N, C-alpha and C. Protein backbone atom coordinates (compact mmCIF):
# COMPACT_ATOMS: atom_id res chain seq x y z
N MET A 1 3.91 -17.53 -19.34
CA MET A 1 4.76 -16.36 -19.42
C MET A 1 4.08 -15.19 -18.72
N MET A 2 4.89 -14.39 -18.03
CA MET A 2 4.37 -13.24 -17.29
C MET A 2 4.62 -11.98 -18.11
N CYS A 3 3.71 -11.03 -17.99
CA CYS A 3 3.92 -9.77 -18.67
C CYS A 3 3.77 -8.62 -17.68
N GLU A 4 4.42 -7.51 -17.96
CA GLU A 4 4.35 -6.33 -17.10
C GLU A 4 3.09 -5.53 -17.41
N ALA A 5 2.48 -5.00 -16.37
CA ALA A 5 1.32 -4.13 -16.54
C ALA A 5 1.47 -2.98 -15.56
N THR A 6 0.68 -1.96 -15.71
CA THR A 6 0.71 -0.81 -14.82
C THR A 6 -0.69 -0.44 -14.40
N THR A 7 -0.86 -0.20 -13.10
CA THR A 7 -2.17 0.21 -12.59
C THR A 7 -2.44 1.67 -12.93
N ARG A 8 -3.66 2.10 -12.64
CA ARG A 8 -3.96 3.52 -12.71
C ARG A 8 -3.12 4.23 -11.65
N PRO A 9 -2.82 5.53 -11.81
CA PRO A 9 -2.07 6.25 -10.78
C PRO A 9 -2.78 6.16 -9.43
N VAL A 10 -1.99 6.03 -8.35
CA VAL A 10 -2.54 5.86 -7.01
C VAL A 10 -1.83 6.79 -6.03
N TRP A 11 -2.60 7.43 -5.17
CA TRP A 11 -2.05 8.19 -4.05
C TRP A 11 -2.96 7.95 -2.87
N LEU A 12 -2.44 7.36 -1.82
CA LEU A 12 -3.26 6.93 -0.69
C LEU A 12 -2.52 7.19 0.61
N ARG A 13 -3.24 7.76 1.59
CA ARG A 13 -2.68 7.98 2.92
C ARG A 13 -3.64 7.40 3.95
N ILE A 14 -3.09 6.60 4.87
CA ILE A 14 -3.89 6.04 5.96
C ILE A 14 -3.14 6.30 7.25
N TRP A 15 -3.82 6.90 8.23
CA TRP A 15 -3.20 7.21 9.52
C TRP A 15 -3.44 6.07 10.49
N GLN A 16 -2.48 5.86 11.40
CA GLN A 16 -2.57 4.81 12.42
C GLN A 16 -1.93 5.34 13.70
N SER A 17 -2.65 5.25 14.81
CA SER A 17 -2.10 5.73 16.08
C SER A 17 -0.94 4.83 16.50
N PRO A 18 0.02 5.37 17.29
CA PRO A 18 1.16 4.54 17.74
C PRO A 18 0.69 3.31 18.51
N ARG A 19 -0.37 3.44 19.31
CA ARG A 19 -0.86 2.30 20.07
C ARG A 19 -1.36 1.22 19.13
N GLN A 20 -2.08 1.60 18.06
CA GLN A 20 -2.55 0.62 17.08
C GLN A 20 -1.37 -0.06 16.39
N GLY A 21 -0.34 0.72 16.09
CA GLY A 21 0.81 0.20 15.37
C GLY A 21 1.66 -0.76 16.19
N SER A 22 1.54 -0.71 17.52
CA SER A 22 2.36 -1.56 18.37
C SER A 22 1.74 -2.94 18.60
N VAL A 23 0.53 -3.15 18.13
CA VAL A 23 -0.16 -4.43 18.33
C VAL A 23 -0.14 -5.21 17.02
N MET A 24 0.40 -6.42 17.04
CA MET A 24 0.58 -7.20 15.81
C MET A 24 -0.70 -7.40 15.01
N PRO A 25 -1.81 -7.87 15.62
CA PRO A 25 -3.02 -8.05 14.81
C PRO A 25 -3.48 -6.75 14.15
N SER A 26 -3.29 -5.63 14.86
CA SER A 26 -3.68 -4.34 14.31
C SER A 26 -2.79 -3.97 13.13
N ALA A 27 -1.48 -4.27 13.24
CA ALA A 27 -0.57 -3.98 12.14
C ALA A 27 -0.95 -4.81 10.91
N MET A 28 -1.30 -6.07 11.14
CA MET A 28 -1.71 -6.91 10.02
C MET A 28 -3.02 -6.39 9.43
N ALA A 29 -3.92 -5.94 10.28
CA ALA A 29 -5.19 -5.38 9.80
C ALA A 29 -4.93 -4.10 9.01
N MET A 30 -3.97 -3.29 9.44
CA MET A 30 -3.64 -2.06 8.71
C MET A 30 -3.08 -2.39 7.34
N HIS A 31 -2.21 -3.40 7.26
CA HIS A 31 -1.68 -3.80 5.95
C HIS A 31 -2.80 -4.28 5.05
N ARG A 32 -3.72 -5.05 5.60
CA ARG A 32 -4.85 -5.53 4.81
C ARG A 32 -5.70 -4.36 4.33
N SER A 33 -5.90 -3.38 5.20
CA SER A 33 -6.67 -2.20 4.84
C SER A 33 -6.00 -1.44 3.69
N VAL A 34 -4.67 -1.30 3.76
CA VAL A 34 -3.93 -0.65 2.67
C VAL A 34 -4.11 -1.43 1.37
N GLU A 35 -3.98 -2.76 1.46
CA GLU A 35 -4.14 -3.60 0.26
C GLU A 35 -5.53 -3.44 -0.35
N LEU A 36 -6.57 -3.39 0.49
CA LEU A 36 -7.94 -3.24 -0.01
C LEU A 36 -8.15 -1.88 -0.66
N HIS A 37 -7.60 -0.82 -0.04
CA HIS A 37 -7.72 0.51 -0.63
C HIS A 37 -7.01 0.59 -1.98
N VAL A 38 -5.82 0.00 -2.05
CA VAL A 38 -5.08 0.00 -3.31
C VAL A 38 -5.83 -0.79 -4.38
N ALA A 39 -6.38 -1.93 -4.00
CA ALA A 39 -7.15 -2.73 -4.96
C ALA A 39 -8.32 -1.94 -5.51
N HIS A 40 -8.98 -1.18 -4.64
CA HIS A 40 -10.13 -0.37 -5.08
C HIS A 40 -9.68 0.76 -6.01
N LYS A 41 -8.62 1.47 -5.63
CA LYS A 41 -8.17 2.62 -6.42
C LYS A 41 -7.42 2.22 -7.68
N ALA A 42 -6.59 1.15 -7.59
CA ALA A 42 -5.74 0.77 -8.71
C ALA A 42 -6.41 -0.22 -9.65
N GLY A 43 -7.43 -0.91 -9.14
CA GLY A 43 -8.13 -1.87 -9.99
C GLY A 43 -7.47 -3.24 -10.05
N VAL A 44 -6.47 -3.48 -9.20
CA VAL A 44 -5.80 -4.78 -9.16
C VAL A 44 -5.34 -5.04 -7.73
N ALA A 45 -5.43 -6.30 -7.30
CA ALA A 45 -5.01 -6.66 -5.95
C ALA A 45 -3.50 -6.83 -5.89
N LEU A 46 -2.86 -6.07 -5.02
CA LEU A 46 -1.42 -6.15 -4.81
C LEU A 46 -1.16 -6.31 -3.32
N THR A 47 -0.12 -7.06 -2.97
CA THR A 47 0.23 -7.25 -1.58
C THR A 47 1.16 -6.13 -1.11
N ILE A 48 1.30 -6.00 0.22
CA ILE A 48 2.24 -5.03 0.77
C ILE A 48 3.65 -5.31 0.23
N GLN A 49 4.01 -6.58 0.13
CA GLN A 49 5.33 -6.94 -0.39
C GLN A 49 5.50 -6.43 -1.82
N GLN A 50 4.48 -6.59 -2.66
CA GLN A 50 4.58 -6.09 -4.04
C GLN A 50 4.67 -4.57 -4.06
N LEU A 51 3.94 -3.90 -3.17
CA LEU A 51 4.00 -2.44 -3.11
C LEU A 51 5.38 -1.97 -2.67
N ARG A 52 5.97 -2.70 -1.71
CA ARG A 52 7.33 -2.36 -1.26
C ARG A 52 8.34 -2.59 -2.37
N GLN A 53 8.20 -3.70 -3.09
CA GLN A 53 9.13 -4.00 -4.19
C GLN A 53 9.04 -2.94 -5.28
N ALA A 54 7.85 -2.40 -5.48
CA ALA A 54 7.67 -1.35 -6.48
C ALA A 54 8.13 0.01 -5.96
N ALA A 55 8.52 0.05 -4.68
CA ALA A 55 9.02 1.28 -4.03
C ALA A 55 7.96 2.39 -4.03
N VAL A 56 6.69 2.00 -3.82
CA VAL A 56 5.62 3.00 -3.76
C VAL A 56 4.95 3.03 -2.39
N TYR A 57 5.36 2.15 -1.47
CA TYR A 57 4.74 2.06 -0.15
C TYR A 57 5.73 2.49 0.93
N SER A 58 5.29 3.37 1.82
CA SER A 58 6.15 3.77 2.93
C SER A 58 5.31 3.97 4.19
N VAL A 59 5.99 3.83 5.33
CA VAL A 59 5.37 4.08 6.63
C VAL A 59 6.31 5.01 7.37
N ARG A 60 5.77 6.12 7.87
CA ARG A 60 6.61 7.04 8.64
C ARG A 60 5.82 7.62 9.79
N TYR A 61 6.53 8.10 10.78
CA TYR A 61 5.89 8.70 11.94
C TYR A 61 5.71 10.19 11.68
N ASP A 62 4.48 10.69 11.87
CA ASP A 62 4.18 12.10 11.69
C ASP A 62 4.09 12.74 13.08
N GLU A 63 5.04 13.60 13.40
CA GLU A 63 5.10 14.20 14.73
C GLU A 63 3.90 15.09 15.02
N GLU A 64 3.43 15.83 14.02
CA GLU A 64 2.31 16.75 14.24
C GLU A 64 1.06 16.03 14.72
N SER A 65 0.75 14.91 14.13
CA SER A 65 -0.47 14.18 14.49
C SER A 65 -0.21 13.06 15.49
N ASP A 66 1.07 12.77 15.79
CA ASP A 66 1.45 11.68 16.69
C ASP A 66 0.89 10.35 16.19
N ARG A 67 1.01 10.13 14.88
CA ARG A 67 0.50 8.91 14.27
C ARG A 67 1.44 8.42 13.20
N LEU A 68 1.28 7.15 12.87
CA LEU A 68 2.01 6.58 11.74
C LEU A 68 1.22 6.89 10.47
N LEU A 69 1.93 7.23 9.43
CA LEU A 69 1.31 7.50 8.14
C LEU A 69 1.73 6.42 7.16
N HIS A 70 0.76 5.63 6.72
CA HIS A 70 0.99 4.63 5.67
C HIS A 70 0.65 5.31 4.36
N GLU A 71 1.59 5.35 3.46
CA GLU A 71 1.37 6.07 2.21
C GLU A 71 1.75 5.21 1.01
N VAL A 72 0.87 5.22 0.01
CA VAL A 72 1.15 4.60 -1.29
C VAL A 72 1.10 5.73 -2.30
N PHE A 73 2.22 5.96 -2.96
CA PHE A 73 2.28 7.06 -3.92
C PHE A 73 2.87 6.56 -5.22
N ALA A 74 2.06 6.49 -6.23
CA ALA A 74 2.50 6.04 -7.55
C ALA A 74 1.83 6.93 -8.59
N PRO A 75 2.42 8.10 -8.87
CA PRO A 75 1.78 9.05 -9.80
C PRO A 75 1.63 8.51 -11.22
N TYR A 76 2.45 7.54 -11.59
CA TYR A 76 2.37 6.99 -12.95
C TYR A 76 1.92 5.55 -12.95
N GLY A 77 1.38 5.08 -11.83
CA GLY A 77 0.90 3.71 -11.75
C GLY A 77 1.91 2.80 -11.06
N ILE A 78 1.44 1.62 -10.70
CA ILE A 78 2.26 0.63 -10.01
C ILE A 78 2.52 -0.54 -10.96
N PRO A 79 3.79 -0.82 -11.25
CA PRO A 79 4.08 -1.98 -12.11
C PRO A 79 3.80 -3.28 -11.38
N TYR A 80 3.26 -4.24 -12.08
CA TYR A 80 3.00 -5.56 -11.49
C TYR A 80 3.01 -6.60 -12.60
N ARG A 81 3.13 -7.85 -12.21
CA ARG A 81 3.13 -8.94 -13.19
C ARG A 81 1.75 -9.55 -13.23
N ARG A 82 1.22 -9.69 -14.41
CA ARG A 82 -0.10 -10.28 -14.61
C ARG A 82 0.05 -11.63 -15.27
N ALA A 83 -0.58 -12.63 -14.71
CA ALA A 83 -0.52 -13.97 -15.30
C ALA A 83 -1.31 -13.98 -16.61
N THR A 84 -0.74 -14.60 -17.61
CA THR A 84 -1.45 -14.76 -18.89
C THR A 84 -1.72 -16.22 -19.12
N GLY A 85 -2.73 -16.48 -19.89
CA GLY A 85 -2.94 -17.87 -20.20
C GLY A 85 -4.33 -18.25 -20.04
């Protein structure tokens, strides 16, 4: 049986240049970097897919810096399923 849990609150911003974002291995590396940062701050390993499902992960273009901004914002924690047993 699975149970719901919540991580510590998380707020994370990672910048990525447009050139980095256009290269597939770099995009995968950026996602891995986001996952590692979230694991460190939240205390639990979550995938980009889980962060998207929780609606706490976004990527947007910032015109001022001419970069992509990967942001994880969960002021009350990120819900996730923890295996029991």
